[in-house]
N, C-alpha and C. Protein backbone atom coordinates (compact mmCIF):
# COMPACT_ATOMS: atom_id res chain seq x y z
N MET A 1 27.08 28.51 -19.79
CA MET A 1 25.98 28.50 -19.44
C MET A 1 25.88 27.62 -18.32
N THR A 2 25.17 27.77 -17.08
CA THR A 2 24.71 26.71 -16.21
C THR A 2 23.66 26.39 -16.14
N TYR A 3 23.53 25.11 -15.62
CA TYR A 3 22.05 24.37 -15.61
C TYR A 3 21.71 24.07 -13.80
N THR A 4 20.40 24.41 -13.95
CA THR A 4 19.85 24.05 -12.42
C THR A 4 19.74 22.63 -12.70
N PRO A 5 19.42 21.89 -11.22
CA PRO A 5 18.95 20.55 -11.39
C PRO A 5 17.87 20.03 -12.00
N GLU A 6 16.60 21.35 -12.03
CA GLU A 6 15.57 20.84 -12.70
C GLU A 6 15.77 20.99 -14.31
N GLN A 7 16.71 21.65 -14.88
CA GLN A 7 16.96 21.46 -16.24
C GLN A 7 17.53 20.37 -16.76
N ALA A 8 18.75 20.14 -15.89
CA ALA A 8 19.29 18.79 -15.99
C ALA A 8 18.63 17.64 -16.03
N THR A 9 17.57 17.24 -14.90
CA THR A 9 16.78 16.14 -15.47
C THR A 9 15.52 16.22 -15.85
N GLY A 10 15.13 17.36 -16.32
CA GLY A 10 13.91 17.77 -17.06
C GLY A 10 12.62 17.66 -16.32
N ILE A 11 12.81 17.72 -14.83
CA ILE A 11 11.70 17.37 -14.16
C ILE A 11 11.34 18.65 -13.02
N SER A 12 10.62 19.18 -13.38
CA SER A 12 10.22 20.53 -12.17
C SER A 12 9.96 20.05 -10.99
N GLY A 13 10.64 21.08 -9.92
CA GLY A 13 10.22 20.67 -8.65
C GLY A 13 9.05 20.40 -8.25
N ILE A 14 7.61 20.66 -8.95
CA ILE A 14 6.38 20.10 -8.14
C ILE A 14 6.31 18.62 -8.71
N ARG A 15 6.77 18.41 -9.63
CA ARG A 15 6.54 17.19 -10.38
C ARG A 15 7.29 16.23 -9.58
N LYS A 16 8.61 16.57 -9.20
CA LYS A 16 9.35 15.70 -8.12
C LYS A 16 8.85 15.52 -6.80
N VAL A 17 7.95 16.82 -6.07
CA VAL A 17 7.27 16.26 -5.06
C VAL A 17 5.69 15.47 -5.16
N THR A 18 5.28 15.56 -6.19
CA THR A 18 3.89 14.83 -6.59
C THR A 18 4.09 13.48 -6.81
N LEU A 19 5.43 13.02 -7.93
CA LEU A 19 5.36 11.82 -8.49
C LEU A 19 5.04 10.79 -7.30
N PRO A 20 5.74 10.83 -5.81
CA PRO A 20 5.71 9.68 -5.10
C PRO A 20 4.10 9.42 -4.61
N ALA A 21 3.50 10.98 -4.54
CA ALA A 21 2.10 10.65 -4.27
C ALA A 21 1.12 9.82 -5.14
N TYR A 22 1.57 10.35 -6.69
CA TYR A 22 1.21 9.57 -7.66
C TYR A 22 1.30 7.88 -7.55
N CYS A 23 2.26 7.74 -7.46
CA CYS A 23 2.80 6.06 -7.62
C CYS A 23 2.07 5.48 -6.05
N MET A 24 1.94 6.37 -5.00
CA MET A 24 0.84 5.87 -3.80
C MET A 24 -0.41 5.77 -4.38
N LEU A 25 -0.89 6.76 -4.96
CA LEU A 25 -2.33 6.52 -5.67
C LEU A 25 -2.55 5.17 -6.59
N VAL A 26 -1.53 5.01 -7.46
CA VAL A 26 -1.61 3.55 -8.75
C VAL A 26 -1.17 2.15 -7.57
N LEU A 27 -0.49 2.48 -6.39
CA LEU A 27 -0.17 1.19 -5.70
C LEU A 27 -1.27 0.96 -5.04
N ALA A 28 -2.17 1.76 -4.14
CA ALA A 28 -3.22 1.62 -3.46
C ALA A 28 -4.48 1.06 -4.43
N LEU A 29 -4.31 1.58 -5.39
CA LEU A 29 -5.42 1.05 -6.37
C LEU A 29 -5.53 -0.48 -6.53
N ILE A 30 -4.00 -0.92 -6.81
CA ILE A 30 -3.55 -2.42 -6.87
C ILE A 30 -3.90 -3.15 -5.78
N GLY A 31 -3.58 -2.62 -4.46
CA GLY A 31 -4.18 -3.36 -3.34
C GLY A 31 -5.37 -3.54 -3.18
N LEU A 32 -6.16 -2.44 -3.23
CA LEU A 32 -7.74 -2.33 -3.39
C LEU A 32 -8.30 -3.43 -4.29
N GLY A 33 -7.55 -3.54 -5.65
CA GLY A 33 -8.00 -4.92 -6.21
C GLY A 33 -8.21 -6.02 -5.82
N ALA A 34 -7.14 -6.32 -5.03
CA ALA A 34 -6.64 -7.56 -4.09
C ALA A 34 -7.46 -8.01 -3.38
N ALA A 35 -7.72 -7.04 -2.49
CA ALA A 35 -8.38 -6.56 -1.35
C ALA A 35 -10.03 -7.02 -1.84
N VAL A 36 -10.40 -6.34 -2.75
CA VAL A 36 -11.98 -6.69 -3.06
C VAL A 36 -12.34 -7.83 -3.64
N TYR A 37 -11.14 -8.43 -4.42
CA TYR A 37 -11.24 -9.79 -4.86
C TYR A 37 -11.16 -10.64 -3.78
N VAL A 38 -10.73 -10.71 -2.69
CA VAL A 38 -11.03 -11.56 -1.67
C VAL A 38 -11.75 -11.43 -0.90
N ALA A 39 -12.16 -9.88 -0.47
CA ALA A 39 -13.20 -9.73 0.21
C ALA A 39 -14.52 -10.57 -0.63
N GLN A 40 -14.87 -10.12 -1.79
CA GLN A 40 -15.90 -10.69 -2.63
C GLN A 40 -16.22 -12.35 -2.25
N GLY A 41 -14.86 -12.92 -2.51
CA GLY A 41 -14.67 -14.34 -2.10
C GLY A 41 -15.31 -14.57 -0.85
N ASN A 42 -14.71 -14.04 0.12
CA ASN A 42 -15.11 -14.06 1.53
C ASN A 42 -16.53 -13.96 1.92
N TYR A 43 -16.99 -13.02 1.03
CA TYR A 43 -18.36 -12.61 1.40
C TYR A 43 -19.70 -13.77 0.82
N ARG A 44 -19.21 -14.04 -0.65
CA ARG A 44 -20.17 -14.94 -1.10
C ARG A 44 -19.84 -16.45 -0.93
N GLY A 45 -18.65 -16.52 -0.40
CA GLY A 45 -18.09 -18.09 0.30
C GLY A 45 -17.59 -19.22 -1.21
N GLU A 46 -17.16 -18.14 -1.99
CA GLU A 46 -16.67 -18.72 -2.94
C GLU A 46 -15.11 -19.09 -2.87
N PRO A 47 -14.81 -20.29 -3.70
CA PRO A 47 -13.28 -20.53 -3.74
C PRO A 47 -12.82 -19.40 -4.56
N LEU A 48 -11.47 -19.12 -4.23
CA LEU A 48 -10.72 -17.98 -4.91
C LEU A 48 -9.84 -19.00 -6.42
N TRP A 49 -9.62 -17.99 -7.52
CA TRP A 49 -9.04 -18.90 -7.97
C TRP A 49 -7.46 -18.12 -7.77
N CYS A 50 -6.99 -19.27 -7.96
CA CYS A 50 -5.27 -18.98 -7.66
C CYS A 50 -4.52 -19.50 -8.70
N PRO A 51 -4.22 -18.21 -9.57
CA PRO A 51 -3.76 -18.68 -10.88
C PRO A 51 -1.99 -19.04 -10.62
N VAL A 52 -0.89 -18.77 -9.55
CA VAL A 52 0.34 -19.04 -9.66
C VAL A 52 0.68 -20.33 -8.54
N ILE A 53 0.09 -19.62 -7.51
CA ILE A 53 0.78 -20.50 -6.17
C ILE A 53 -0.87 -21.14 -5.80
N ASP A 54 -0.94 -22.23 -5.64
CA ASP A 54 -2.47 -22.96 -5.21
C ASP A 54 -2.40 -23.06 -3.41
N GLY A 55 -2.75 -22.01 -3.06
CA GLY A 55 -3.13 -21.82 -1.19
C GLY A 55 -3.93 -20.61 -0.92
N CYS A 56 -4.19 -19.96 -1.85
CA CYS A 56 -5.53 -19.46 -1.54
C CYS A 56 -6.63 -19.62 -0.68
N ASN A 57 -7.10 -20.48 -1.04
CA ASN A 57 -8.18 -21.23 -0.25
C ASN A 57 -7.96 -21.76 1.21
N ALA A 58 -6.81 -22.31 1.11
CA ALA A 58 -6.69 -22.86 2.62
C ALA A 58 -6.07 -21.57 3.34
N VAL A 59 -5.44 -20.38 2.78
CA VAL A 59 -4.98 -19.29 3.45
C VAL A 59 -6.53 -18.53 4.23
N VAL A 60 -7.32 -18.27 2.97
CA VAL A 60 -8.80 -17.92 3.65
C VAL A 60 -9.25 -18.37 4.57
N ASN A 61 -9.51 -19.85 4.51
CA ASN A 61 -10.18 -20.38 5.11
C ASN A 61 -9.45 -20.97 6.83
N SER A 62 -8.21 -20.28 6.89
CA SER A 62 -7.72 -20.91 8.06
C SER A 62 -8.06 -19.89 9.26
N PRO A 63 -7.73 -20.42 10.32
CA PRO A 63 -8.34 -19.49 11.70
C PRO A 63 -7.85 -18.51 11.82
N TYR A 64 -6.56 -18.35 11.19
CA TYR A 64 -5.82 -17.09 10.90
C TYR A 64 -6.20 -15.92 10.20
N SER A 65 -7.06 -16.17 9.47
CA SER A 65 -7.76 -15.31 8.61
C SER A 65 -8.98 -13.94 9.30
N ARG A 66 -8.88 -14.70 9.82
CA ARG A 66 -10.12 -13.71 10.77
C ARG A 66 -9.87 -13.30 12.10
N VAL A 67 -10.15 -11.77 12.27
CA VAL A 67 -9.99 -11.24 13.44
C VAL A 67 -11.16 -10.51 13.94
N PHE A 68 -11.63 -11.23 15.61
CA PHE A 68 -12.92 -11.01 15.90
C PHE A 68 -14.10 -11.39 14.93
N GLY A 69 -13.68 -12.35 14.02
CA GLY A 69 -14.81 -13.18 12.97
C GLY A 69 -15.02 -12.29 11.61
N VAL A 70 -14.09 -11.02 11.43
CA VAL A 70 -14.27 -10.44 10.66
C VAL A 70 -12.81 -10.87 9.46
N PRO A 71 -13.61 -11.06 8.26
CA PRO A 71 -12.02 -11.78 7.37
C PRO A 71 -11.11 -10.23 7.58
N MET A 72 -9.65 -10.76 7.32
CA MET A 72 -8.84 -10.13 7.03
C MET A 72 -8.76 -9.19 5.73
N SER A 73 -9.34 -9.85 4.70
CA SER A 73 -9.40 -8.83 3.45
C SER A 73 -10.22 -7.65 3.30
N TYR A 74 -11.45 -7.85 4.65
CA TYR A 74 -11.80 -6.67 4.87
C TYR A 74 -11.31 -5.52 5.40
N PHE A 75 -10.30 -5.41 6.37
CA PHE A 75 -9.07 -4.66 6.78
C PHE A 75 -8.34 -4.35 5.90
N GLY A 76 -7.84 -5.38 4.77
CA GLY A 76 -7.13 -5.03 3.79
C GLY A 76 -7.84 -3.81 2.79
N PHE A 77 -9.17 -4.03 2.76
CA PHE A 77 -9.56 -2.92 1.89
C PHE A 77 -9.58 -1.95 2.41
N ILE A 78 -10.12 -1.34 3.86
CA ILE A 78 -10.37 -0.54 4.72
C ILE A 78 -8.70 0.52 4.74
N TYR A 79 -7.72 -0.33 4.75
CA TYR A 79 -6.48 0.17 4.63
C TYR A 79 -5.71 0.55 3.29
N TYR A 80 -6.33 0.15 2.24
CA TYR A 80 -6.42 0.54 0.77
C TYR A 80 -6.82 1.63 0.73
N LEU A 81 -8.04 1.52 1.00
CA LEU A 81 -9.17 2.71 0.65
C LEU A 81 -8.39 3.95 1.36
N TYR A 82 -7.98 3.89 2.66
CA TYR A 82 -7.47 5.07 3.50
C TYR A 82 -6.04 5.53 2.67
N MET A 83 -5.24 4.53 2.46
CA MET A 83 -3.83 5.16 1.67
C MET A 83 -4.57 5.36 0.28
N PHE A 84 -5.61 5.25 0.01
CA PHE A 84 -5.72 6.01 -1.71
C PHE A 84 -6.05 7.15 -1.25
N ALA A 85 -7.16 7.42 -0.18
CA ALA A 85 -7.39 8.96 0.15
C ALA A 85 -6.47 9.66 0.55
N LEU A 86 -5.26 9.20 1.39
CA LEU A 86 -4.26 9.69 1.94
C LEU A 86 -3.34 10.23 1.10
N ALA A 87 -3.10 9.54 -0.43
CA ALA A 87 -2.37 9.83 -1.09
C ALA A 87 -3.15 10.73 -2.12
N ALA A 88 -3.90 10.74 -2.12
CA ALA A 88 -4.64 11.60 -2.86
C ALA A 88 -4.91 13.06 -2.21
N ARG A 89 -4.86 13.32 -1.13
CA ARG A 89 -4.92 14.58 0.12
C ARG A 89 -3.27 14.93 -0.44
N LEU A 90 -2.27 13.86 -0.28
CA LEU A 90 -1.17 14.48 -0.45
C LEU A 90 -0.54 14.88 -2.07
N ALA A 91 -1.38 14.21 -3.13
CA ALA A 91 -1.17 14.94 -4.34
C ALA A 91 -1.39 16.51 -4.56
N PHE A 92 -2.33 16.76 -3.88
CA PHE A 92 -2.92 18.57 -3.45
C PHE A 92 -2.13 19.30 -2.67
N GLU A 93 -1.81 18.56 -1.46
CA GLU A 93 -1.17 18.99 -0.47
C GLU A 93 0.34 18.57 0.12
N PRO A 94 0.99 18.49 -0.90
CA PRO A 94 2.34 17.57 -0.57
C PRO A 94 3.04 18.09 0.91
N PHE A 95 3.10 19.22 1.02
CA PHE A 95 3.91 19.67 2.05
C PHE A 95 3.17 19.88 3.80
N SER A 96 2.04 19.18 3.69
CA SER A 96 1.18 19.22 4.98
C SER A 96 1.83 18.01 5.92
N ASN A 97 2.42 18.58 6.94
CA ASN A 97 3.06 17.68 8.07
C ASN A 97 2.71 16.90 8.39
N SER A 98 1.27 17.02 8.74
CA SER A 98 0.43 15.77 9.35
C SER A 98 0.22 15.11 8.18
N LEU A 99 -0.29 15.00 6.87
CA LEU A 99 -0.63 14.33 5.91
C LEU A 99 1.06 13.26 5.89
N ARG A 100 1.89 13.69 5.42
CA ARG A 100 3.29 13.61 5.50
C ARG A 100 3.78 12.63 6.38
N PHE A 101 3.50 13.06 7.93
CA PHE A 101 3.55 11.68 8.80
C PHE A 101 2.63 10.39 8.64
N ARG A 102 1.37 11.01 8.46
CA ARG A 102 0.21 9.81 8.78
C ARG A 102 0.45 8.83 7.42
N ALA A 103 1.17 9.40 6.33
CA ALA A 103 1.43 8.19 5.39
C ALA A 103 2.51 7.74 5.76
N ALA A 104 3.34 8.02 6.50
CA ALA A 104 4.68 7.27 6.47
C ALA A 104 4.44 6.26 7.62
N LEU A 105 3.50 6.81 8.51
CA LEU A 105 3.09 6.00 9.97
C LEU A 105 2.10 4.64 9.43
N TYR A 106 1.26 4.87 8.85
CA TYR A 106 -0.04 4.11 8.27
C TYR A 106 0.97 3.14 7.03
N ALA A 107 1.76 3.79 6.33
CA ALA A 107 2.31 2.54 5.23
C ALA A 107 3.79 1.49 6.01
N GLY A 108 3.94 2.16 7.19
CA GLY A 108 4.72 1.29 8.03
C GLY A 108 4.01 0.34 8.66
N VAL A 109 3.16 0.62 9.44
CA VAL A 109 2.02 -0.32 10.14
C VAL A 109 1.61 -1.47 9.03
N GLY A 110 1.10 -1.12 7.75
CA GLY A 110 0.73 -2.00 6.94
C GLY A 110 1.83 -3.02 6.28
N ALA A 111 3.22 -2.36 6.43
CA ALA A 111 4.04 -3.22 6.32
C ALA A 111 4.57 -4.46 7.43
N ALA A 112 4.29 -3.85 8.67
CA ALA A 112 4.69 -4.43 9.85
C ALA A 112 3.41 -5.71 9.74
N SER A 113 2.32 -5.51 9.70
CA SER A 113 1.18 -6.38 9.28
C SER A 113 1.55 -7.43 8.39
N SER A 114 1.90 -6.89 7.12
CA SER A 114 2.00 -7.72 6.04
C SER A 114 2.98 -8.56 6.14
N LEU A 115 4.11 -8.09 7.27
CA LEU A 115 5.31 -9.11 7.60
C LEU A 115 4.82 -10.53 8.99
N TYR A 116 3.88 -9.92 9.58
CA TYR A 116 3.34 -10.80 10.52
C TYR A 116 2.54 -11.81 9.69
N PHE A 117 1.71 -11.37 8.62
CA PHE A 117 0.77 -12.01 7.90
C PHE A 117 1.38 -13.30 7.21
N MET A 118 2.72 -12.44 6.70
CA MET A 118 3.40 -13.70 5.52
C MET A 118 4.02 -14.66 6.55
N TYR A 119 4.54 -14.28 7.70
CA TYR A 119 5.34 -15.25 8.87
C TYR A 119 4.23 -16.28 9.05
N LEU A 120 2.64 -15.92 9.19
CA LEU A 120 1.64 -16.77 9.78
C LEU A 120 1.31 -17.83 8.52
N GLN A 121 1.48 -17.30 7.45
CA GLN A 121 1.07 -18.46 6.34
C GLN A 121 2.35 -19.30 6.16
N LEU A 122 3.75 -18.92 6.45
CA LEU A 122 4.64 -19.78 6.03
C LEU A 122 4.91 -20.60 7.31
N SER A 123 4.56 -20.00 8.63
CA SER A 123 4.72 -20.95 9.50
C SER A 123 3.82 -21.87 10.31
N PHE A 124 2.61 -21.24 10.34
CA PHE A 124 1.66 -22.01 10.67
C PHE A 124 0.43 -22.58 9.88
N ILE A 125 0.01 -21.70 8.90
CA ILE A 125 -0.75 -22.43 7.74
C ILE A 125 0.20 -23.05 6.86
N ARG A 126 1.12 -23.09 6.80
CA ARG A 126 1.91 -23.49 5.39
C ARG A 126 1.18 -23.97 4.33
N ALA A 127 0.94 -22.73 4.18
CA ALA A 127 0.38 -22.22 2.63
C ALA A 127 0.65 -20.79 2.31
N VAL A 128 0.74 -20.24 0.87
CA VAL A 128 0.98 -19.30 0.67
C VAL A 128 -0.10 -18.54 -0.43
N CYS A 129 -0.53 -17.44 -0.06
CA CYS A 129 -1.75 -17.05 -0.94
C CYS A 129 -1.02 -15.97 -2.12
N ILE A 130 -1.21 -15.95 -3.26
CA ILE A 130 -0.73 -15.06 -4.37
C ILE A 130 -1.17 -13.27 -4.08
N TYR A 131 -2.44 -13.83 -3.27
CA TYR A 131 -2.97 -12.36 -3.29
C TYR A 131 -2.45 -11.73 -2.08
N CYS A 132 -2.14 -12.41 -1.42
CA CYS A 132 -1.67 -12.08 0.05
C CYS A 132 -0.21 -11.21 -0.05
N LEU A 133 0.72 -12.11 -1.27
CA LEU A 133 1.77 -12.08 -1.80
C LEU A 133 1.62 -10.53 -2.39
N ILE A 134 0.76 -10.44 -3.11
CA ILE A 134 0.24 -8.92 -4.00
C ILE A 134 0.05 -7.88 -3.03
N SER A 135 -0.69 -8.23 -2.13
CA SER A 135 -0.54 -7.08 -0.81
C SER A 135 0.49 -6.83 -0.33
N ALA A 136 1.28 -7.57 -0.02
CA ALA A 136 2.35 -7.29 0.85
C ALA A 136 3.54 -6.48 -0.21
N VAL A 137 3.65 -6.73 -1.05
CA VAL A 137 4.35 -6.46 -1.97
C VAL A 137 3.90 -4.78 -2.07
N THR A 138 2.60 -4.64 -2.68
CA THR A 138 2.26 -3.45 -2.56
C THR A 138 2.20 -2.16 -1.51
N THR A 139 1.88 -3.41 -0.23
CA THR A 139 2.17 -2.47 0.98
C THR A 139 3.75 -1.87 1.07
N PHE A 140 4.92 -2.86 1.08
CA PHE A 140 6.27 -2.53 1.02
C PHE A 140 6.46 -1.27 0.03
N LEU A 141 6.24 -1.72 -0.92
CA LEU A 141 6.15 -0.36 -1.82
C LEU A 141 5.44 1.24 -1.74
N LEU A 142 4.41 0.89 -1.32
CA LEU A 142 3.74 2.06 -0.63
C LEU A 142 4.52 2.86 0.74
N LEU A 143 4.99 1.49 1.52
CA LEU A 143 5.93 1.90 2.19
C LEU A 143 7.54 2.81 1.58
N PHE A 144 7.66 2.44 0.50
CA PHE A 144 8.90 2.94 0.06
C PHE A 144 8.40 4.50 -0.39
N ALA A 145 7.39 4.66 -1.11
CA ALA A 145 6.94 5.57 -1.63
C ALA A 145 6.26 6.48 -0.58
N ALA A 146 5.65 6.42 0.34
CA ALA A 146 5.87 7.33 1.37
C ALA A 146 6.86 7.73 2.13
N ILE A 147 7.95 7.19 2.12
CA ILE A 147 9.28 7.71 2.67
C ILE A 147 10.12 8.55 1.69
N TRP A 148 9.90 7.99 0.42
CA TRP A 148 10.22 8.66 -0.77
C TRP A 148 9.65 10.41 -0.83
N HIS A 149 8.24 10.24 -0.68
CA HIS A 149 7.41 11.36 -0.64
C HIS A 149 8.09 12.28 0.57
N PHE A 150 7.95 11.72 1.89
CA PHE A 150 8.54 12.35 3.06
C PHE A 150 9.91 13.21 2.96
N GLN A 151 10.80 12.57 2.25
CA GLN A 151 12.30 12.99 1.97
C GLN A 151 12.13 14.43 1.18
N ALA A 152 11.19 14.04 -0.07
CA ALA A 152 11.08 14.83 -1.28
C ALA A 152 10.43 16.23 -0.52
N THR A 153 9.86 16.12 0.18
CA THR A 153 9.18 17.17 0.61
C THR A 153 9.75 17.89 2.19
N ARG A 154 10.77 17.64 2.74
CA ARG A 154 11.32 17.95 3.94
C ARG A 154 11.40 19.49 3.87
N HIS A 155 12.18 20.13 2.42
CA HIS A 155 12.17 21.46 2.66
C HIS A 155 11.19 21.96 1.48
N PRO A 156 9.97 22.76 2.36
CA PRO A 156 9.27 23.25 1.37
C PRO A 156 9.48 24.25 0.64
N PRO A 157 9.12 24.66 -0.72
CA PRO A 157 9.67 26.09 -1.52
C PRO A 157 9.46 27.28 -0.45
N GLN A 158 10.74 28.22 -0.76
CA GLN A 158 10.57 29.30 -0.07
C GLN A 158 9.76 30.27 -0.84
N GLN A 159 8.81 31.04 -0.28
CA GLN A 159 7.94 32.24 -0.68
C GLN A 159 8.78 33.41 -0.89
N THR A 160 8.52 33.53 -2.33
CA THR A 160 9.17 34.77 -2.74
C THR A 160 8.02 35.97 -2.94
């Protein structure tokens, strides 16, 4: 008796393809949560609760935390909302070339932005925000999930 890879792993082909998209959905929700919390603190002008690393308010109130007068948390909210919508579409259309490319591209841009913002925090602000760290880790995990999805959907199933 011979086994196919699907029988050996217990994971069907379509589940292998949609699993990265579902991971991206969860990661985007985590990023949205952090971005919403920081954005609401910016909007209300309230200090942020920093449970582990006490640097959130120094980072949020620094001159580097705004681009053209708009708080970075608003951009983060838009980014994660877009990535959530993109992941939802990927769950339903996993083999769409344009969606696959955009997921990898925007996740890469997000990861590069996170690297730059962490550099600013460590080099110029000299404080680290736990929510920024959560966002950076989430963004890099989104990049890995987007690449995972891109690799898993390289070869669409053959129509029979």
